Amino acid sequence: MDTATDTSVVTVNNIAPAANANGPYLCNEGDTITLSGSAADPGLDTLSYAWDLDNDASYDDSTSQNPSYTCGVEGTYTIALQVTDDDNGIATDTSTITVNAIPPDTTLPAVAINSPVSGIYTTTNILVSITATDNVAVDKIWFNYGAGNISYSTPATITFADQVIYTLTAYANDTSGNVGSDSVTFTVNTSYVPPPAPSPVPRVPKPQNKIRIGAINIPADFVKAGDDLVINLDFENSGDLDLDDVSATVVIPELGIRKKVGPFDVDKSSDASRAIMLPIPEDAEPGEYTARITISNDKLKRVRHRQVIIK
């Protein structure tokens, strides 16, 4: 069998990658952001990245795919990404970075003088202690008490002249130039003798309302249903004040009965007595009951209990 062969040349042309600088990006002055470069290549070539971050038409600022960028002065800036494949196919893309201005810092540092404090010192060696805080950062702290500005870093003991009234002012500035301050006035007098403490004021006892239930006398050993239970009460006003509108009440809760006498007055340091007749219901069951006896007015109340036998 006869055969024949032939050859031909196939040329595969490179297709350049597609570059994407992404964005647009937004930041504040002084921020550092990360850019995001990407690319697609039909031939699955290895790709290299180059950035022009200063808009000078030269891709010489970074070879990272995702470089960092420090945001400078307020404005909008053009950046460009160049992507190259293995066959030197090149693609570019541009994007923008908008940098926003940061409002100026106008907050003063907060300054506090912890020592000395206002008052009289009987020693010339006095601790100076200052604290300062700021919403951004404290730059430096200093103070002045009439001898010029003195830099401050940590608490220190200063020797002051005797018999002098001082005003010490502490200052602090922040990195934006704002200055805060605090002041204290004190006296150095080593001869000063504090006045004696005042004598305590004698405590005057407050007048009190007091009443005491003394004897509770029930003449009979028992009472029959339908009869009156007689209770004789003795009580004493042992307080410092006269007692007005006093009442005496007897209650037997199990029988639902009560009897009240009064109101009447009981002078201070005096005794009183009252007889109370409490009708017992005719249908009361025989047995032992508890009588609650109360002496009271709108300022005090005393209660006693007695057992009562009903037959």
Protein backbone atom coordinates (compact mmCIF):
# COMPACT_ATOMS: atom_id res chain seq x y z
CA MET A 1 0.00 0.00 0.00
CA ASP A 2 1.34 3.39 -0.98
CA THR A 3 1.36 6.19 1.72
CA ALA A 4 2.04 9.91 1.65
CA THR A 5 2.83 12.46 4.40
CA ASP A 6 2.84 16.23 4.71
CA THR A 7 3.65 18.79 7.42
CA SER A 8 2.31 22.20 8.38
CA VAL A 9 3.14 24.86 10.92
CA VAL A 10 0.57 25.97 13.60
CA THR A 11 1.27 29.31 15.20
CA VAL A 12 -0.35 29.92 18.65
CA ASN A 13 -0.54 33.62 19.36
CA ASN A 14 -0.31 34.85 22.95
CA ILE A 15 -3.30 36.66 24.41
CA ALA A 16 -2.35 39.30 26.94
CA PRO A 17 -3.83 39.04 30.45
CA ALA A 18 -6.64 41.28 31.68
CA ALA A 19 -5.52 43.54 34.58
CA ASN A 20 -7.76 44.94 37.34
CA ALA A 21 -6.54 47.57 39.83
CA ASN A 22 -9.92 47.40 41.59
CA GLY A 23 -11.03 50.35 43.75
CA PRO A 24 -11.81 53.18 43.84
CA TYR A 25 -10.16 53.39 47.29
CA LEU A 26 -11.03 55.72 50.17
CA CYS A 27 -8.94 56.64 53.25
CA ASN A 28 -8.13 59.41 55.73
CA GLU A 29 -4.91 61.39 55.94
CA GLY A 30 -2.24 59.27 57.61
CA ASP A 31 -4.04 55.95 57.11
CA THR A 32 -2.33 52.94 55.54
CA ILE A 33 -4.50 50.84 53.25
CA THR A 34 -3.92 47.67 51.20
CA LEU A 35 -4.52 47.77 47.45
CA SER A 36 -5.99 44.74 45.70
CA GLY A 37 -4.61 43.82 42.28
CA SER A 38 -5.97 40.97 40.19
CA ALA A 39 -5.67 39.59 36.67
CA ALA A 40 -6.97 36.84 34.38
CA ASP A 41 -4.93 35.09 31.66
CA PRO A 42 -6.41 32.62 29.11
CA GLY A 43 -3.11 30.78 28.84
CA LEU A 44 -2.75 30.28 32.57
CA ASP A 45 0.66 31.94 32.43
CA THR A 46 2.57 33.02 35.51
CA LEU A 47 1.83 36.69 35.98
CA SER A 48 3.93 39.49 37.43
CA TYR A 49 2.59 42.74 38.87
CA ALA A 50 3.96 46.26 38.90
CA TRP A 51 2.35 49.41 40.29
CA ASP A 52 2.63 53.09 39.52
CA LEU A 53 1.53 54.71 42.80
CA ASP A 54 2.76 58.25 42.18
CA ASN A 55 1.25 58.75 38.69
CA ASP A 56 4.63 59.28 37.00
CA ALA A 57 3.96 56.72 34.22
CA SER A 58 6.62 54.41 35.67
CA TYR A 59 5.60 51.08 37.17
CA ASP A 60 8.41 51.11 39.68
CA ASP A 61 6.67 51.65 43.06
CA SER A 62 5.77 48.06 43.99
CA THR A 63 5.92 44.54 42.54
CA SER A 64 3.47 43.13 45.09
CA GLN A 65 0.04 42.05 43.93
CA ASN A 66 -1.51 43.70 47.00
CA PRO A 67 0.82 46.50 48.13
CA SER A 68 0.36 48.87 51.09
CA TYR A 69 -0.34 52.52 50.43
CA THR A 70 0.12 55.38 52.91
CA CYS A 71 -2.48 58.09 52.46
CA GLY A 72 -0.94 61.55 52.41
CA VAL A 73 -2.51 64.96 51.87
CA GLU A 74 -6.21 65.36 51.14
CA GLY A 75 -7.05 64.85 47.46
CA THR A 76 -7.84 62.28 44.77
CA TYR A 77 -4.90 60.39 43.25
CA THR A 78 -4.61 58.14 40.18
CA ILE A 79 -2.79 54.81 40.50
CA ALA A 80 -2.07 52.22 37.80
CA LEU A 81 -1.43 48.45 37.71
CA GLN A 82 0.59 46.67 35.02
CA VAL A 83 0.34 42.87 34.65
CA THR A 84 2.82 40.90 32.47
CA ASP A 85 2.56 37.20 31.48
CA ASP A 86 5.30 34.70 30.54
CA ASP A 87 5.17 35.75 26.89
CA ASN A 88 5.56 39.42 27.69
CA GLY A 89 1.91 40.10 27.16
CA ILE A 90 1.13 43.30 29.03
CA ALA A 91 -2.13 44.72 30.36
CA THR A 92 -2.77 47.81 32.47
CA ASP A 93 -5.60 49.23 34.54
CA THR A 94 -6.07 52.41 36.56
CA SER A 95 -8.00 53.34 39.67
CA THR A 96 -8.21 56.24 42.12
CA ILE A 97 -7.52 56.80 45.82
CA THR A 98 -9.47 59.56 47.55
CA VAL A 99 -7.82 60.87 50.71
CA ASN A 100 -10.10 62.70 53.16
CA ALA A 101 -8.83 65.43 55.45
CA ILE A 102 -8.88 64.78 59.21
CA PRO A 103 -10.50 67.62 61.22
CA PRO A 104 -7.89 69.45 63.33
CA ASP A 105 -7.51 68.32 66.94
CA THR A 106 -8.64 71.15 69.24
CA THR A 107 -9.05 69.13 72.47
CA LEU A 108 -6.86 70.37 75.31
CA PRO A 109 -4.95 67.84 77.43
CA ALA A 110 -6.56 67.19 80.83
CA VAL A 111 -4.09 68.18 83.57
CA ALA A 112 -4.44 67.34 87.27
CA ILE A 113 -2.13 68.32 90.15
CA ASN A 114 -2.23 65.46 92.65
CA SER A 115 0.26 67.11 95.03
CA PRO A 116 0.58 69.64 96.54
CA VAL A 117 -3.00 70.38 97.52
CA SER A 118 -4.57 73.59 98.76
CA GLY A 119 -3.72 74.24 102.40
CA ILE A 120 -0.84 74.94 104.79
CA TYR A 121 2.35 72.84 104.80
CA THR A 122 4.58 72.81 107.87
CA THR A 123 7.51 71.37 105.88
CA THR A 124 9.51 72.95 103.05
CA ASN A 125 10.00 69.60 101.23
CA ILE A 126 6.81 68.94 99.28
CA LEU A 127 6.02 66.26 96.69
CA VAL A 128 5.00 67.52 93.24
CA SER A 129 2.86 64.96 91.39
CA ILE A 130 1.09 65.72 88.09
CA THR A 131 -0.94 63.62 85.67
CA ALA A 132 -2.01 64.53 82.13
CA THR A 133 -4.11 62.72 79.54
CA ASP A 134 -5.10 63.57 75.97
CA ASN A 135 -7.45 62.25 73.30
CA VAL A 136 -4.46 61.76 70.95
CA ALA A 137 -1.14 61.92 72.78
CA VAL A 138 0.56 64.06 75.44
CA ASP A 139 3.79 65.60 74.16
CA LYS A 140 5.32 67.04 77.35
CA ILE A 141 4.46 68.25 80.87
CA TRP A 142 5.96 71.13 82.85
CA PHE A 143 5.15 73.33 85.84
CA ASN A 144 5.94 76.74 87.27
CA TYR A 145 5.63 78.15 90.80
CA GLY A 146 7.51 81.39 90.23
CA ALA A 147 10.96 79.96 89.62
CA GLY A 148 10.64 79.44 85.86
CA ASN A 149 9.32 76.49 83.87
CA ILE A 150 10.42 73.09 85.19
CA SER A 151 10.09 69.97 83.02
CA TYR A 152 8.11 67.13 84.61
CA SER A 153 8.33 63.39 84.01
CA THR A 154 7.80 61.62 87.36
CA PRO A 155 6.78 62.72 90.90
CA ALA A 156 9.60 64.53 92.70
CA THR A 157 10.12 66.35 96.02
CA ILE A 158 10.78 70.08 95.68
CA THR A 159 12.22 72.29 98.43
CA PHE A 160 10.16 75.48 98.78
CA ALA A 161 11.00 78.61 100.76
CA ASP A 162 9.36 79.04 104.15
CA GLN A 163 6.70 81.66 104.98
CA VAL A 164 5.54 81.96 101.35
CA ILE A 165 2.19 81.57 99.62
CA TYR A 166 2.70 79.74 96.31
CA THR A 167 0.57 79.23 93.22
CA LEU A 168 1.83 76.21 91.29
CA THR A 169 0.56 75.82 87.72
CA ALA A 170 1.06 72.64 85.73
CA TYR A 171 0.90 72.53 81.92
CA ALA A 172 0.74 69.81 79.25
CA ASN A 173 0.67 70.07 75.46
CA ASP A 174 -0.30 67.47 72.89
CA THR A 175 1.13 66.66 69.47
CA SER A 176 -1.30 69.14 67.88
CA GLY A 177 -0.02 72.04 70.01
CA ASN A 178 -3.03 72.29 72.36
CA VAL A 179 -2.08 73.26 75.93
CA GLY A 180 -4.05 72.38 79.08
CA SER A 181 -3.31 73.47 82.65
CA ASP A 182 -4.23 73.14 86.33
CA SER A 183 -3.32 75.33 89.33
CA VAL A 184 -3.18 75.05 93.09
CA THR A 185 -2.43 77.64 95.79
CA PHE A 186 -0.81 76.58 99.04
CA THR A 187 1.19 78.05 101.91
CA VAL A 188 4.53 76.93 103.37
CA ASN A 189 4.75 77.88 107.04
CA THR A 190 6.89 75.70 109.29
CA SER A 191 5.78 77.70 112.36
CA TYR A 192 2.10 77.04 111.82
CA VAL A 193 0.27 75.36 114.68
CA PRO A 194 -3.17 74.02 113.80
CA PRO A 195 -5.96 75.28 116.08
CA PRO A 196 -7.26 72.75 118.60
CA ALA A 197 -10.18 70.67 117.54
CA PRO A 198 -13.51 72.01 118.82
CA SER A 199 -14.92 70.34 121.89
CA PRO A 200 -17.63 67.85 121.12
CA VAL A 201 -21.15 69.15 121.50
CA PRO A 202 -22.85 67.45 124.44
CA ARG A 203 -25.46 65.05 123.27
CA VAL A 204 -28.87 65.99 124.58
CA PRO A 205 -31.10 62.96 124.90
CA LYS A 206 -34.23 63.22 122.82
CA PRO A 207 -37.43 63.09 124.87
CA GLN A 208 -39.05 59.71 124.52
CA ASN A 209 -42.56 58.35 124.65
CA LYS A 210 -42.75 55.25 126.85
CA ILE A 211 -45.53 53.27 128.40
CA ARG A 212 -45.36 50.00 130.31
CA ILE A 213 -48.18 47.56 130.88
CA GLY A 214 -47.95 46.43 134.49
CA ALA A 215 -50.41 44.11 136.15
CA ILE A 216 -53.15 42.39 134.14
CA ASN A 217 -55.74 41.06 136.59
CA ILE A 218 -58.60 38.76 135.65
CA PRO A 219 -60.62 38.28 138.91
CA ALA A 220 -62.27 35.02 137.93
CA ASP A 221 -60.46 31.81 137.05
CA PHE A 222 -62.90 31.32 134.18
CA VAL A 223 -65.90 32.92 132.55
CA LYS A 224 -69.08 31.37 131.28
CA ALA A 225 -70.38 31.83 127.76
CA GLY A 226 -72.78 34.79 127.74
CA ASP A 227 -71.10 36.48 130.74
CA ASP A 228 -68.72 39.47 130.77
CA LEU A 229 -64.98 38.88 130.98
CA VAL A 230 -63.52 41.50 133.37
CA ILE A 231 -59.88 42.50 132.86
CA ASN A 232 -58.19 45.08 135.12
CA LEU A 233 -55.17 46.82 133.54
CA ASP A 234 -52.43 48.78 135.29
CA PHE A 235 -49.97 50.76 133.16
CA GLU A 236 -47.28 53.39 133.68
CA ASN A 237 -46.05 56.35 131.61
CA SER A 238 -42.28 55.88 132.08
CA GLY A 239 -41.28 58.38 129.38
CA ASP A 240 -40.35 62.04 129.35
CA LEU A 241 -43.56 63.35 127.76
CA ASP A 242 -47.25 63.36 128.56
CA LEU A 243 -49.20 60.81 126.55
CA ASP A 244 -52.40 61.98 124.91
CA ASP A 245 -55.29 60.05 123.41
CA VAL A 246 -54.29 56.66 124.82
CA SER A 247 -56.63 53.70 124.28
CA ALA A 248 -56.77 50.24 125.82
CA THR A 249 -58.13 47.40 123.68
CA VAL A 250 -58.81 43.71 124.40
CA VAL A 251 -59.30 41.30 121.50
CA ILE A 252 -59.99 37.55 121.44
CA PRO A 253 -59.43 36.78 117.72
CA GLU A 254 -60.79 33.20 117.91
CA LEU A 255 -64.16 34.55 119.04
CA GLY A 256 -64.11 37.65 116.82
CA ILE A 257 -64.74 39.99 119.77
CA ARG A 258 -63.03 43.16 120.90
CA LYS A 259 -63.57 45.99 123.42
CA LYS A 260 -61.87 49.37 123.51
CA VAL A 261 -61.78 52.03 126.23
CA GLY A 262 -60.46 55.56 125.79
CA PRO A 263 -59.07 57.79 124.59
CA PHE A 264 -57.60 59.18 127.79
CA ASP A 265 -54.41 61.02 128.80
CA VAL A 266 -51.58 59.73 130.96
CA ASP A 267 -49.19 62.33 132.41
CA LYS A 268 -45.47 61.62 132.40
CA SER A 269 -44.16 59.63 135.38
CA SER A 270 -47.66 58.65 136.41
CA ASP A 271 -49.67 55.43 136.64
CA ALA A 272 -53.15 54.67 135.34
CA SER A 273 -55.56 51.78 135.43
CA ARG A 274 -58.63 50.78 133.47
CA ALA A 275 -61.20 48.00 133.77
CA ILE A 276 -62.46 46.43 130.55
CA MET A 277 -65.60 44.30 130.36
CA LEU A 278 -65.66 42.07 127.31
CA PRO A 279 -68.99 40.29 126.61
CA ILE A 280 -68.46 36.60 125.78
CA PRO A 281 -70.85 35.25 123.10
CA GLU A 282 -73.46 32.80 124.38
CA ASP A 283 -72.47 30.31 121.69
CA ALA A 284 -68.76 30.38 122.56
CA GLU A 285 -67.31 26.86 122.77
CA PRO A 286 -65.69 25.91 126.09
CA GLY A 287 -61.93 26.03 126.00
CA GLU A 288 -58.83 28.11 126.47
CA TYR A 289 -58.46 31.30 124.39
CA THR A 290 -55.78 33.97 123.99
CA ALA A 291 -56.72 37.58 124.81
CA ARG A 292 -54.53 40.23 123.14
CA ILE A 293 -54.27 43.40 125.26
CA THR A 294 -53.01 46.59 123.59
CA ILE A 295 -52.18 50.04 125.00
CA SER A 296 -51.53 52.58 122.21
CA ASN A 297 -51.81 56.05 120.72
CA ASP A 298 -50.47 57.56 117.48
CA LYS A 299 -46.88 57.49 118.80
CA LEU A 300 -46.48 54.10 120.49
CA LYS A 301 -47.96 50.67 120.99
CA ARG A 302 -47.52 47.98 123.66
CA VAL A 303 -49.06 44.49 123.49
CA ARG A 304 -49.43 41.72 126.07
CA HIS A 305 -51.28 38.37 125.99
CA ARG A 306 -53.26 36.45 128.59
CA GLN A 307 -54.98 33.06 128.52
CA VAL A 308 -58.76 33.05 129.20
CA ILE A 309 -60.79 29.94 130.09
CA ILE A 310 -64.45 29.73 128.99
CA LYS A 311 -66.75 27.04 130.43
